Amino acid sequence: SGIGKKTASNLTNYLHSKVKDRLQS
């Protein structure tokens, strides 16, 4: 995507559990 490395890391770390929970539900 070209998204900055720091931003990409923040997104994957912060949203991992939230996205996983929402997909499962």
PDB file of all heavy atoms in Angstrom:
ATOM      1  N   SER A   1       0.793  -1.226   0.000  1.00  0.00           N
ATOM      2  CA  SER A   1       0.000   0.000   0.000  1.00  0.00           C
ATOM      3  C   SER A   1       0.825   1.275   0.000  1.00  0.00           C
ATOM      4  O   SER A   1       0.339   2.339  -0.373  1.00  0.00           O
ATOM      5  CB  SER A   1      -0.920   0.016   1.226  1.00  0.00           C
ATOM      6  OG  SER A   1      -0.149   0.136   2.411  1.00  0.00           O
ATOM      7  N   GLY A   2       2.072   1.184   0.456  1.00  0.00           N
ATOM      8  CA  GLY A   2       2.868   2.400   0.607  1.00  0.00           C
ATOM      9  C   GLY A   2       2.623   3.111   1.922  1.00  0.00           C
ATOM     10  O   GLY A   2       3.205   4.166   2.189  1.00  0.00           O
ATOM     11  N   ILE A   3       1.770   2.549   2.767  1.00  0.00           N
ATOM     12  CA  ILE A   3       1.554   3.103   4.108  1.00  0.00           C
ATOM     13  C   ILE A   3       2.872   3.021   4.873  1.00  0.00           C
ATOM     14  O   ILE A   3       3.602   2.037   4.777  1.00  0.00           O
ATOM     15  CB  ILE A   3       0.452   2.312   4.852  1.00  0.00           C
ATOM     16  CG1 ILE A   3      -0.903   2.541   4.189  1.00  0.00           C
ATOM     17  CG2 ILE A   3       0.375   2.695   6.322  1.00  0.00           C
ATOM     18  CD1 ILE A   3      -2.005   1.664   4.723  1.00  0.00           C
ATOM     19  N   GLY A   4       3.189   4.062   5.643  1.00  0.00           N
ATOM     20  CA  GLY A   4       4.437   4.092   6.388  1.00  0.00           C
ATOM     21  C   GLY A   4       4.595   2.892   7.310  1.00  0.00           C
ATOM     22  O   GLY A   4       3.615   2.335   7.812  1.00  0.00           O
ATOM     23  N   LYS A   5       5.842   2.492   7.539  1.00  0.00           N
ATOM     24  CA  LYS A   5       6.110   1.304   8.356  1.00  0.00           C
ATOM     25  C   LYS A   5       5.561   1.456   9.771  1.00  0.00           C
ATOM     26  O   LYS A   5       5.015   0.511  10.333  1.00  0.00           O
ATOM     27  CB  LYS A   5       7.609   1.025   8.388  1.00  0.00           C
ATOM     28  CG  LYS A   5       8.171   0.517   7.077  1.00  0.00           C
ATOM     29  CD  LYS A   5       9.631   0.121   7.215  1.00  0.00           C
ATOM     30  CE  LYS A   5      10.164  -0.469   5.921  1.00  0.00           C
ATOM     31  NZ  LYS A   5      11.590  -0.888   6.060  1.00  0.00           N
ATOM     32  N   LYS A   6       5.723   2.626  10.367  1.00  0.00           N
ATOM     33  CA  LYS A   6       5.245   2.845  11.738  1.00  0.00           C
ATOM     34  C   LYS A   6       3.726   2.753  11.800  1.00  0.00           C
ATOM     35  O   LYS A   6       3.166   2.120  12.693  1.00  0.00           O
ATOM     36  CB  LYS A   6       5.718   4.190  12.258  1.00  0.00           C
ATOM     37  CG  LYS A   6       5.344   4.450  13.717  1.00  0.00           C
ATOM     38  CD  LYS A   6       5.921   5.764  14.211  1.00  0.00           C
ATOM     39  CE  LYS A   6       5.541   5.995  15.679  1.00  0.00           C
ATOM     40  NZ  LYS A   6       6.090   7.289  16.163  1.00  0.00           N
ATOM     41  N   THR A   7       3.058   3.381  10.825  1.00  0.00           N
ATOM     42  CA  THR A   7       1.595   3.334  10.786  1.00  0.00           C
ATOM     43  C   THR A   7       1.101   1.908  10.561  1.00  0.00           C
ATOM     44  O   THR A   7       0.168   1.449  11.219  1.00  0.00           O
ATOM     45  CB  THR A   7       1.061   4.250   9.666  1.00  0.00           C
ATOM     46  OG1 THR A   7       1.440   5.598   9.936  1.00  0.00           O
ATOM     47  CG2 THR A   7      -0.462   4.174   9.583  1.00  0.00           C
ATOM     48  N   ALA A   8       1.738   1.201   9.631  1.00  0.00           N
ATOM     49  CA  ALA A   8       1.353  -0.187   9.352  1.00  0.00           C
ATOM     50  C   ALA A   8       1.509  -1.047  10.600  1.00  0.00           C
ATOM     51  O   ALA A   8       0.652  -1.888  10.905  1.00  0.00           O
ATOM     52  CB  ALA A   8       2.197  -0.745   8.204  1.00  0.00           C
ATOM     53  N   SER A   9       2.588  -0.841  11.337  1.00  0.00           N
ATOM     54  CA  SER A   9       2.818  -1.606  12.563  1.00  0.00           C
ATOM     55  C   SER A   9       1.770  -1.287  13.620  1.00  0.00           C
ATOM     56  O   SER A   9       1.248  -2.184  14.297  1.00  0.00           O
ATOM     57  CB  SER A   9       4.219  -1.310  13.107  1.00  0.00           C
ATOM     58  OG  SER A   9       4.476  -2.046  14.285  1.00  0.00           O
ATOM     59  N   ASN A  10       1.450  -0.004  13.753  1.00  0.00           N
ATOM     60  CA  ASN A  10       0.430   0.404  14.730  1.00  0.00           C
ATOM     61  C   ASN A  10      -0.928  -0.228  14.407  1.00  0.00           C
ATOM     62  O   ASN A  10      -1.638  -0.705  15.298  1.00  0.00           O
ATOM     63  CB  ASN A  10       0.292   1.926  14.749  1.00  0.00           C
ATOM     64  CG  ASN A  10       1.456   2.606  15.434  1.00  0.00           C
ATOM     65  OD1 ASN A  10       2.191   1.983  16.197  1.00  0.00           O
ATOM     66  ND2 ASN A  10       1.634   3.886  15.161  1.00  0.00           N
ATOM     67  N   LEU A  11      -1.284  -0.224  13.120  1.00  0.00           N
ATOM     68  CA  LEU A  11      -2.581  -0.773  12.707  1.00  0.00           C
ATOM     69  C   LEU A  11      -2.662  -2.270  12.984  1.00  0.00           C
ATOM     70  O   LEU A  11      -3.652  -2.753  13.546  1.00  0.00           O
ATOM     71  CB  LEU A  11      -2.815  -0.516  11.213  1.00  0.00           C
ATOM     72  CG  LEU A  11      -2.968   0.938  10.767  1.00  0.00           C
ATOM     73  CD1 LEU A  11      -3.131   1.004   9.257  1.00  0.00           C
ATOM     74  CD2 LEU A  11      -4.142   1.607  11.454  1.00  0.00           C
ATOM     75  N   THR A  12      -1.632  -3.004  12.591  1.00  0.00           N
ATOM     76  CA  THR A  12      -1.676  -4.455  12.755  1.00  0.00           C
ATOM     77  C   THR A  12      -1.643  -4.849  14.230  1.00  0.00           C
ATOM     78  O   THR A  12      -2.318  -5.803  14.639  1.00  0.00           O
ATOM     79  CB  THR A  12      -0.515  -5.132  12.004  1.00  0.00           C
ATOM     80  OG1 THR A  12       0.731  -4.563  12.420  1.00  0.00           O
ATOM     81  CG2 THR A  12      -0.673  -4.942  10.502  1.00  0.00           C
ATOM     82  N   ASN A  13      -0.871  -4.130  15.025  1.00  0.00           N
ATOM     83  CA  ASN A  13      -0.775  -4.464  16.451  1.00  0.00           C
ATOM     84  C   ASN A  13      -2.054  -4.103  17.201  1.00  0.00           C
ATOM     85  O   ASN A  13      -2.569  -4.900  17.994  1.00  0.00           O
ATOM     86  CB  ASN A  13       0.412  -3.737  17.090  1.00  0.00           C
ATOM     87  CG  ASN A  13       1.743  -4.280  16.627  1.00  0.00           C
ATOM     88  OD1 ASN A  13       1.843  -5.427  16.202  1.00  0.00           O
ATOM     89  ND2 ASN A  13       2.775  -3.451  16.690  1.00  0.00           N
ATOM     90  N   TYR A  14      -2.573  -2.913  16.950  1.00  0.00           N
ATOM     91  CA  TYR A  14      -3.709  -2.431  17.738  1.00  0.00           C
ATOM     92  C   TYR A  14      -5.018  -3.099  17.346  1.00  0.00           C
ATOM     93  O   TYR A  14      -5.880  -3.352  18.197  1.00  0.00           O
ATOM     94  CB  TYR A  14      -3.834  -0.907  17.589  1.00  0.00           C
ATOM     95  CG  TYR A  14      -4.812  -0.301  18.563  1.00  0.00           C
ATOM     96  CD1 TYR A  14      -4.416   0.039  19.854  1.00  0.00           C
ATOM     97  CD2 TYR A  14      -6.138  -0.079  18.210  1.00  0.00           C
ATOM     98  CE1 TYR A  14      -5.301   0.588  20.770  1.00  0.00           C
ATOM     99  CE2 TYR A  14      -7.041   0.458  19.111  1.00  0.00           C
ATOM    100  CZ  TYR A  14      -6.614   0.797  20.390  1.00  0.00           C
ATOM    101  OH  TYR A  14      -7.512   1.328  21.293  1.00  0.00           O
ATOM    102  N   LEU A  15      -5.178  -3.408  16.048  1.00  0.00           N
ATOM    103  CA  LEU A  15      -6.473  -3.895  15.575  1.00  0.00           C
ATOM    104  C   LEU A  15      -6.552  -5.408  15.437  1.00  0.00           C
ATOM    105  O   LEU A  15      -7.627  -5.943  15.134  1.00  0.00           O
ATOM    106  CB  LEU A  15      -6.811  -3.246  14.220  1.00  0.00           C
ATOM    107  CG  LEU A  15      -7.114  -1.746  14.267  1.00  0.00           C
ATOM    108  CD1 LEU A  15      -7.349  -1.221  12.854  1.00  0.00           C
ATOM    109  CD2 LEU A  15      -8.320  -1.445  15.151  1.00  0.00           C
ATOM    110  N   HIS A  16      -5.457  -6.114  15.645  1.00  0.00           N
ATOM    111  CA  HIS A  16      -5.457  -7.562  15.430  1.00  0.00           C
ATOM    112  C   HIS A  16      -6.579  -8.268  16.199  1.00  0.00           C
ATOM    113  O   HIS A  16      -7.406  -8.974  15.611  1.00  0.00           O
ATOM    114  CB  HIS A  16      -4.110  -8.156  15.831  1.00  0.00           C
ATOM    115  CG  HIS A  16      -4.083  -9.655  15.774  1.00  0.00           C
ATOM    116  ND1 HIS A  16      -4.113 -10.355  14.583  1.00  0.00           N
ATOM    117  CD2 HIS A  16      -4.067 -10.595  16.756  1.00  0.00           C
ATOM    118  CE1 HIS A  16      -4.104 -11.649  14.839  1.00  0.00           C
ATOM    119  NE2 HIS A  16      -4.077 -11.832  16.144  1.00  0.00           N
ATOM    120  N   SER A  17      -6.636  -8.076  17.497  1.00  0.00           N
ATOM    121  CA  SER A  17      -7.640  -8.776  18.305  1.00  0.00           C
ATOM    122  C   SER A  17      -9.051  -8.292  17.996  1.00  0.00           C
ATOM    123  O   SER A  17     -10.005  -9.074  17.992  1.00  0.00           O
ATOM    124  CB  SER A  17      -7.339  -8.603  19.797  1.00  0.00           C
ATOM    125  OG  SER A  17      -7.380  -7.234  20.171  1.00  0.00           O
ATOM    126  N   LYS A  18      -9.189  -7.004  17.699  1.00  0.00           N
ATOM    127  CA  LYS A  18     -10.513  -6.438  17.409  1.00  0.00           C
ATOM    128  C   LYS A  18     -11.071  -6.997  16.102  1.00  0.00           C
ATOM    129  O   LYS A  18     -12.256  -7.370  16.028  1.00  0.00           O
ATOM    130  CB  LYS A  18     -10.426  -4.912  17.358  1.00  0.00           C
ATOM    131  CG  LYS A  18     -10.118  -4.260  18.710  1.00  0.00           C
ATOM    132  CD  LYS A  18      -9.999  -2.762  18.564  1.00  0.00           C
ATOM    133  CE  LYS A  18      -9.846  -2.089  19.937  1.00  0.00           C
ATOM    134  NZ  LYS A  18      -8.653  -2.578  20.677  1.00  0.00           N
ATOM    135  N   VAL A  19     -10.232  -7.057  15.078  1.00  0.00           N
ATOM    136  CA  VAL A  19     -10.676  -7.604  13.793  1.00  0.00           C
ATOM    137  C   VAL A  19     -10.976  -9.097  13.926  1.00  0.00           C
ATOM    138  O   VAL A  19     -11.994  -9.588  13.413  1.00  0.00           O
ATOM    139  CB  VAL A  19      -9.605  -7.362  12.705  1.00  0.00           C
ATOM    140  CG1 VAL A  19      -9.935  -8.158  11.434  1.00  0.00           C
ATOM    141  CG2 VAL A  19      -9.519  -5.876  12.369  1.00  0.00           C
ATOM    142  N   LYS A  20     -10.120  -9.807  14.621  1.00  0.00           N
ATOM    143  CA  LYS A  20     -10.323 -11.247  14.815  1.00  0.00           C
ATOM    144  C   LYS A  20     -11.640 -11.525  15.528  1.00  0.00           C
ATOM    145  O   LYS A  20     -12.420 -12.392  15.117  1.00  0.00           O
ATOM    146  CB  LYS A  20      -9.159 -11.825  15.623  1.00  0.00           C
ATOM    147  CG  LYS A  20      -9.215 -13.335  15.787  1.00  0.00           C
ATOM    148  CD  LYS A  20      -7.986 -13.845  16.526  1.00  0.00           C
ATOM    149  CE  LYS A  20      -8.031 -15.351  16.701  1.00  0.00           C
ATOM    150  NZ  LYS A  20      -6.833 -15.849  17.434  1.00  0.00           N
ATOM    151  N   ASP A  21     -11.908 -10.771  16.593  1.00  0.00           N
ATOM    152  CA  ASP A  21     -13.149 -10.966  17.349  1.00  0.00           C
ATOM    153  C   ASP A  21     -14.373 -10.657  16.500  1.00  0.00           C
ATOM    154  O   ASP A  21     -15.380 -11.375  16.552  1.00  0.00           O
ATOM    155  CB  ASP A  21     -13.149 -10.081  18.599  1.00  0.00           C
ATOM    156  CG  ASP A  21     -12.147 -10.548  19.644  1.00  0.00           C
ATOM    157  OD1 ASP A  21     -11.673 -11.688  19.539  1.00  0.00           O
ATOM    158  OD2 ASP A  21     -11.823  -9.749  20.552  1.00  0.00           O
ATOM    159  N   ARG A  22     -14.297  -9.590  15.699  1.00  0.00           N
ATOM    160  CA  ARG A  22     -15.451  -9.199  14.891  1.00  0.00           C
ATOM    161  C   ARG A  22     -15.718 -10.184  13.764  1.00  0.00           C
ATOM    162  O   ARG A  22     -16.870 -10.438  13.416  1.00  0.00           O
ATOM    163  CB  ARG A  22     -15.250  -7.785  14.343  1.00  0.00           C
ATOM    164  CG  ARG A  22     -15.260  -6.711  15.420  1.00  0.00           C
ATOM    165  CD  ARG A  22     -15.436  -5.338  14.847  1.00  0.00           C
ATOM    166  NE  ARG A  22     -15.415  -4.328  15.903  1.00  0.00           N
ATOM    167  CZ  ARG A  22     -15.890  -3.105  15.771  1.00  0.00           C
ATOM    168  NH1 ARG A  22     -16.423  -2.737  14.611  1.00  0.00           N
ATOM    169  NH2 ARG A  22     -15.844  -2.251  16.758  1.00  0.00           N
ATOM    170  N   LEU A  23     -14.664 -10.720  13.187  1.00  0.00           N
ATOM    171  CA  LEU A  23     -14.853 -11.717  12.136  1.00  0.00           C
ATOM    172  C   LEU A  23     -15.452 -12.999  12.703  1.00  0.00           C
ATOM    173  O   LEU A  23     -16.335 -13.612  12.105  1.00  0.00           O
ATOM    174  CB  LEU A  23     -13.516 -12.014  11.452  1.00  0.00           C
ATOM    175  CG  LEU A  23     -13.020 -10.966  10.456  1.00  0.00           C
ATOM    176  CD1 LEU A  23     -11.611 -11.295   9.998  1.00  0.00           C
ATOM    177  CD2 LEU A  23     -13.952 -10.866   9.258  1.00  0.00           C
ATOM    178  N   GLN A  24     -14.987 -13.407  13.871  1.00  0.00           N
ATOM    179  CA  GLN A  24     -15.503 -14.623  14.490  1.00  0.00           C
ATOM    180  C   GLN A  24     -16.962 -14.483  14.897  1.00  0.00           C
ATOM    181  O   GLN A  24     -17.732 -15.448  14.822  1.00  0.00           O
ATOM    182  CB  GLN A  24     -14.647 -14.983  15.711  1.00  0.00           C
ATOM    183  CG  GLN A  24     -13.261 -15.492  15.347  1.00  0.00           C
ATOM    184  CD  GLN A  24     -12.399 -15.769  16.558  1.00  0.00           C
ATOM    185  OE1 GLN A  24     -12.658 -15.282  17.667  1.00  0.00           O
ATOM    186  NE2 GLN A  24     -11.351 -16.553  16.371  1.00  0.00           N
ATOM    187  N   SER A  25     -17.346 -13.275  15.303  1.00  0.00           N
ATOM    188  CA  SER A  25     -18.726 -13.050  15.730  1.00  0.00           C
ATOM    189  C   SER A  25     -19.652 -12.733  14.568  1.00  0.00           C
ATOM    190  O   SER A  25     -20.871 -12.669  14.720  1.00  0.00           O
ATOM    191  CB  SER A  25     -18.777 -11.904  16.743  1.00  0.00           C
ATOM    192  OG  SER A  25     -18.438 -10.670  16.124  1.00  0.00           O
TER     193      SER A  25
END
